[in-house]
Amino acid sequence: TSVTIPDSVTSIGNSAFRDCSSLTSITIPDSVTSIGDYAFYGTNSVKKFTFSKNLESIGHDAFAETKWYNSALAATVDHLVINGIIIGSNKKTGTLIIPEGIKKIAPYVFLDATGLTSVTFPNSLTEIGEYAFFDRDVSVGNKDLRTKGFYGKQSIGI
């Protein structure tokens, strides 16, 4: 089943399509600016998403456990990015250099990156989602930082 979300929709809420196993294709119009946590989680038959060019916010695991997410992440060397937002990453150890042009890091993205030792953020970065670097000892620039400071109920601005 294919779904085209109407142009009147500006936000897709938490778990809106979670575990809808019959979906195979989803078109998200340019009117949509935010997608909530787990919005499409477990829609494991979805092979294709067409994304809004105006997405500004993507919640935790919004696309996890979909064929699209799993294959897109497997095909990337470093990060899975939508509209300047990192929503997944294969980088789990060593030095992490977030490339210029990245505006946001979605929640929890580097939660399991237990081997990171240093992180370099670009000037373009404006937001780090909650728990993105939870409980990590990393060096940021010339400072060592215990990144429990990167967790909580709110995202932080840079």
C-alpha atoms as a PDB file:
ATOM      1  CA  THR A   1       0.000   0.000   0.000  1.00  0.00           C
ATOM      2  CA  SER A   2       1.260   3.467  -0.899  1.00  0.00           C
ATOM      3  CA  VAL A   3       0.423   6.518   1.204  1.00  0.00           C
ATOM      4  CA  THR A   4       0.630  10.146   0.186  1.00  0.00           C
ATOM      5  CA  ILE A   5       0.238  12.426   3.161  1.00  0.00           C
ATOM      6  CA  PRO A   6      -1.976  15.434   2.323  1.00  0.00           C
ATOM      7  CA  ASP A   7      -0.473  18.897   1.828  1.00  0.00           C
ATOM      8  CA  SER A   8      -2.540  20.172   4.760  1.00  0.00           C
ATOM      9  CA  VAL A   9      -0.382  18.143   7.192  1.00  0.00           C
ATOM     10  CA  THR A  10       2.518  20.005   8.822  1.00  0.00           C
ATOM     11  CA  SER A  11       3.577  17.477  11.453  1.00  0.00           C
ATOM     12  CA  ILE A  12       3.564  13.688  11.722  1.00  0.00           C
ATOM     13  CA  GLY A  13       3.106  12.681  15.345  1.00  0.00           C
ATOM     14  CA  ASN A  14       4.833  10.124  17.518  1.00  0.00           C
ATOM     15  CA  SER A  15       4.139   6.533  16.415  1.00  0.00           C
ATOM     16  CA  ALA A  16       1.653   7.754  13.764  1.00  0.00           C
ATOM     17  CA  PHE A  17       2.342   4.855  11.377  1.00  0.00           C
ATOM     18  CA  ARG A  18       4.257   2.601  13.768  1.00  0.00           C
ATOM     19  CA  ASP A  19       4.151  -1.090  12.818  1.00  0.00           C
ATOM     20  CA  CYS A  20       1.868  -0.532   9.800  1.00  0.00           C
ATOM     21  CA  SER A  21       3.193  -3.599   8.032  1.00  0.00           C
ATOM     22  CA  SER A  22       1.180  -3.181   4.820  1.00  0.00           C
ATOM     23  CA  LEU A  23       2.806   0.130   3.827  1.00  0.00           C
ATOM     24  CA  THR A  24       5.356  -0.075   1.013  1.00  0.00           C
ATOM     25  CA  SER A  25       5.777   3.548  -0.082  1.00  0.00           C
ATOM     26  CA  ILE A  26       5.223   6.879   1.684  1.00  0.00           C
ATOM     27  CA  THR A  27       5.286  10.376   0.216  1.00  0.00           C
ATOM     28  CA  ILE A  28       5.779  13.174   2.713  1.00  0.00           C
ATOM     29  CA  PRO A  29       4.813  16.573   1.225  1.00  0.00           C
ATOM     30  CA  ASP A  30       6.821  19.776   1.548  1.00  0.00           C
ATOM     31  CA  SER A  31       4.257  21.086   4.056  1.00  0.00           C
ATOM     32  CA  VAL A  32       5.615  18.652   6.685  1.00  0.00           C
ATOM     33  CA  THR A  33       8.281  20.243   8.888  1.00  0.00           C
ATOM     34  CA  SER A  34       8.481  17.701  11.725  1.00  0.00           C
ATOM     35  CA  ILE A  35       8.270  13.954  12.192  1.00  0.00           C
ATOM     36  CA  GLY A  36       7.827  12.571  15.700  1.00  0.00           C
ATOM     37  CA  ASP A  37       9.496   9.747  17.575  1.00  0.00           C
ATOM     38  CA  TYR A  38       8.843   6.294  16.101  1.00  0.00           C
ATOM     39  CA  ALA A  39       6.526   7.806  13.468  1.00  0.00           C
ATOM     40  CA  PHE A  40       7.297   5.055  10.921  1.00  0.00           C
ATOM     41  CA  TYR A  41       9.097   2.613  13.215  1.00  0.00           C
ATOM     42  CA  GLY A  42       8.556  -1.016  12.293  1.00  0.00           C
ATOM     43  CA  THR A  43       6.813  -0.330   8.999  1.00  0.00           C
ATOM     44  CA  ASN A  44       9.158  -3.004   7.727  1.00  0.00           C
ATOM     45  CA  SER A  45       7.659  -3.268   4.243  1.00  0.00           C
ATOM     46  CA  VAL A  46       8.435   0.369   3.378  1.00  0.00           C
ATOM     47  CA  LYS A  47      11.131   0.417   0.733  1.00  0.00           C
ATOM     48  CA  LYS A  48      10.710   4.025  -0.401  1.00  0.00           C
ATOM     49  CA  PHE A  49      10.157   7.350   1.320  1.00  0.00           C
ATOM     50  CA  THR A  50       9.827  10.626  -0.556  1.00  0.00           C
ATOM     51  CA  PHE A  51      10.766  13.348   1.907  1.00  0.00           C
ATOM     52  CA  SER A  52       9.648  16.913   2.399  1.00  0.00           C
ATOM     53  CA  LYS A  53      12.311  19.443   1.449  1.00  0.00           C
ATOM     54  CA  ASN A  54      11.227  21.443   4.485  1.00  0.00           C
ATOM     55  CA  LEU A  55      11.836  18.908   7.263  1.00  0.00           C
ATOM     56  CA  GLU A  56      13.324  20.665  10.274  1.00  0.00           C
ATOM     57  CA  SER A  57      12.887  18.032  12.974  1.00  0.00           C
ATOM     58  CA  ILE A  58      13.051  14.232  12.980  1.00  0.00           C
ATOM     59  CA  GLY A  59      12.368  12.327  16.187  1.00  0.00           C
ATOM     60  CA  HIS A  60      14.053   9.323  17.742  1.00  0.00           C
ATOM     61  CA  ASP A  61      13.977   6.173  15.589  1.00  0.00           C
ATOM     62  CA  ALA A  62      11.380   7.750  13.300  1.00  0.00           C
ATOM     63  CA  PHE A  63      12.392   5.403  10.460  1.00  0.00           C
ATOM     64  CA  ALA A  64      14.078   2.541  12.325  1.00  0.00           C
ATOM     65  CA  GLU A  65      13.119  -1.024  11.488  1.00  0.00           C
ATOM     66  CA  THR A  66      12.070  -0.187   7.957  1.00  0.00           C
ATOM     67  CA  LYS A  67      13.661  -1.778   4.904  1.00  0.00           C
ATOM     68  CA  TRP A  68      14.403   1.713   3.616  1.00  0.00           C
ATOM     69  CA  TYR A  69      16.320   2.744   6.755  1.00  0.00           C
ATOM     70  CA  ASN A  70      18.226  -0.509   7.079  1.00  0.00           C
ATOM     71  CA  SER A  71      19.331  -0.549   3.444  1.00  0.00           C
ATOM     72  CA  ALA A  72      20.088   3.201   3.321  1.00  0.00           C
ATOM     73  CA  LEU A  73      22.213   3.001   6.472  1.00  0.00           C
ATOM     74  CA  ALA A  74      24.012  -0.097   5.198  1.00  0.00           C
ATOM     75  CA  ALA A  75      24.797   1.715   1.925  1.00  0.00           C
ATOM     76  CA  THR A  76      26.370   4.767   3.578  1.00  0.00           C
ATOM     77  CA  VAL A  77      29.971   5.009   4.701  1.00  0.00           C
ATOM     78  CA  ASP A  78      29.350   7.335   7.618  1.00  0.00           C
ATOM     79  CA  HIS A  79      25.989   9.002   8.251  1.00  0.00           C
ATOM     80  CA  LEU A  80      22.416   8.750   7.021  1.00  0.00           C
ATOM     81  CA  VAL A  81      21.259  12.319   6.435  1.00  0.00           C
ATOM     82  CA  ILE A  82      17.883  13.820   5.539  1.00  0.00           C
ATOM     83  CA  ASN A  83      17.742  17.584   4.878  1.00  0.00           C
ATOM     84  CA  GLY A  84      20.900  18.251   6.882  1.00  0.00           C
ATOM     85  CA  ILE A  85      19.775  16.103   9.833  1.00  0.00           C
ATOM     86  CA  ILE A  86      21.819  13.027  10.791  1.00  0.00           C
ATOM     87  CA  ILE A  87      19.297  10.292  11.613  1.00  0.00           C
ATOM     88  CA  GLY A  88      21.684   7.329  11.665  1.00  0.00           C
ATOM     89  CA  SER A  89      25.398   6.637  11.653  1.00  0.00           C
ATOM     90  CA  ASN A  90      27.827   3.808  11.113  1.00  0.00           C
ATOM     91  CA  LYS A  91      30.606   5.717  12.886  1.00  0.00           C
ATOM     92  CA  LYS A  92      31.005   4.111  16.314  1.00  0.00           C
ATOM     93  CA  THR A  93      34.696   4.435  17.195  1.00  0.00           C
ATOM     94  CA  GLY A  94      37.621   6.832  17.072  1.00  0.00           C
ATOM     95  CA  THR A  95      37.366  10.372  15.794  1.00  0.00           C
ATOM     96  CA  LEU A  96      33.978  11.598  14.610  1.00  0.00           C
ATOM     97  CA  ILE A  97      33.967  14.548  12.245  1.00  0.00           C
ATOM     98  CA  ILE A  98      30.489  15.864  11.584  1.00  0.00           C
ATOM     99  CA  PRO A  99      30.661  17.351   8.068  1.00  0.00           C
ATOM    100  CA  GLU A 100      29.911  20.967   7.250  1.00  0.00           C
ATOM    101  CA  GLY A 101      26.310  21.375   6.090  1.00  0.00           C
ATOM    102  CA  ILE A 102      24.879  19.248   8.893  1.00  0.00           C
ATOM    103  CA  LYS A 103      22.365  21.349  10.839  1.00  0.00           C
ATOM    104  CA  LYS A 104      21.112  18.855  13.414  1.00  0.00           C
ATOM    105  CA  ILE A 105      21.833  15.505  14.993  1.00  0.00           C
ATOM    106  CA  ALA A 106      18.656  13.577  15.744  1.00  0.00           C
ATOM    107  CA  PRO A 107      18.068  12.124  19.230  1.00  0.00           C
ATOM    108  CA  TYR A 108      20.004   8.975  20.235  1.00  0.00           C
ATOM    109  CA  VAL A 109      22.046   8.785  16.991  1.00  0.00           C
ATOM    110  CA  PHE A 110      25.395   8.090  18.663  1.00  0.00           C
ATOM    111  CA  LEU A 111      24.028   6.416  21.798  1.00  0.00           C
ATOM    112  CA  ASP A 112      25.671   3.102  20.913  1.00  0.00           C
ATOM    113  CA  ALA A 113      28.906   4.676  19.649  1.00  0.00           C
ATOM    114  CA  THR A 114      30.832   3.527  22.698  1.00  0.00           C
ATOM    115  CA  GLY A 115      34.252   3.807  21.065  1.00  0.00           C
ATOM    116  CA  LEU A 116      34.156   7.496  20.102  1.00  0.00           C
ATOM    117  CA  THR A 117      37.145   9.393  21.445  1.00  0.00           C
ATOM    118  CA  SER A 118      36.723  12.833  19.879  1.00  0.00           C
ATOM    119  CA  VAL A 119      34.055  14.800  18.041  1.00  0.00           C
ATOM    120  CA  THR A 120      34.433  17.768  15.719  1.00  0.00           C
ATOM    121  CA  PHE A 121      31.287  19.798  15.087  1.00  0.00           C
ATOM    122  CA  PRO A 122      30.851  22.002  12.005  1.00  0.00           C
ATOM    123  CA  ASN A 123      29.881  25.664  12.120  1.00  0.00           C
ATOM    124  CA  SER A 124      26.604  24.738  10.434  1.00  0.00           C
ATOM    125  CA  LEU A 125      25.438  22.607  13.416  1.00  0.00           C
ATOM    126  CA  THR A 126      22.653  24.274  15.396  1.00  0.00           C
ATOM    127  CA  GLU A 127      21.152  21.437  17.431  1.00  0.00           C
ATOM    128  CA  ILE A 128      22.072  18.152  19.083  1.00  0.00           C
ATOM    129  CA  GLY A 129      19.108  15.952  19.946  1.00  0.00           C
ATOM    130  CA  GLU A 130      18.539  14.493  23.378  1.00  0.00           C
ATOM    131  CA  TYR A 131      20.703  11.521  24.351  1.00  0.00           C
ATOM    132  CA  ALA A 132      22.627  11.833  21.064  1.00  0.00           C
ATOM    133  CA  PHE A 133      25.941  11.323  22.858  1.00  0.00           C
ATOM    134  CA  PHE A 134      24.653   9.941  26.141  1.00  0.00           C
ATOM    135  CA  ASP A 135      27.246   8.969  28.724  1.00  0.00           C
ATOM    136  CA  ARG A 136      30.361   9.282  26.562  1.00  0.00           C
ATOM    137  CA  ASP A 137      33.830  10.554  27.443  1.00  0.00           C
ATOM    138  CA  VAL A 138      34.907  12.407  24.335  1.00  0.00           C
ATOM    139  CA  SER A 139      37.074  15.337  23.404  1.00  0.00           C
ATOM    140  CA  VAL A 140      35.237  18.200  21.721  1.00  0.00           C
ATOM    141  CA  GLY A 141      37.648  20.629  20.119  1.00  0.00           C
ATOM    142  CA  ASN A 142      40.376  21.203  22.700  1.00  0.00           C
ATOM    143  CA  LYS A 143      38.216  20.270  25.704  1.00  0.00           C
ATOM    144  CA  ASP A 144      37.559  16.892  27.228  1.00  0.00           C
ATOM    145  CA  LEU A 145      33.882  16.529  27.898  1.00  0.00           C
ATOM    146  CA  ARG A 146      31.910  13.919  29.749  1.00  0.00           C
ATOM    147  CA  THR A 147      28.878  13.987  27.525  1.00  0.00           C
ATOM    148  CA  LYS A 148      26.234  13.286  30.106  1.00  0.00           C
ATOM    149  CA  GLY A 149      25.695  16.961  29.447  1.00  0.00           C
ATOM    150  CA  PHE A 150      24.203  15.925  26.135  1.00  0.00           C
ATOM    151  CA  TYR A 151      21.210  14.194  27.620  1.00  0.00           C
ATOM    152  CA  GLY A 152      17.914  15.276  29.054  1.00  0.00           C
ATOM    153  CA  LYS A 153      14.417  16.170  28.079  1.00  0.00           C
ATOM    154  CA  GLN A 154      15.380  18.932  25.684  1.00  0.00           C
ATOM    155  CA  SER A 155      17.692  19.217  22.720  1.00  0.00           C
ATOM    156  CA  ILE A 156      20.503  21.697  23.119  1.00  0.00           C
ATOM    157  CA  GLY A 157      21.512  24.464  20.781  1.00  0.00           C
ATOM    158  CA  ILE A 158      25.110  24.962  19.723  1.00  0.00           C
END
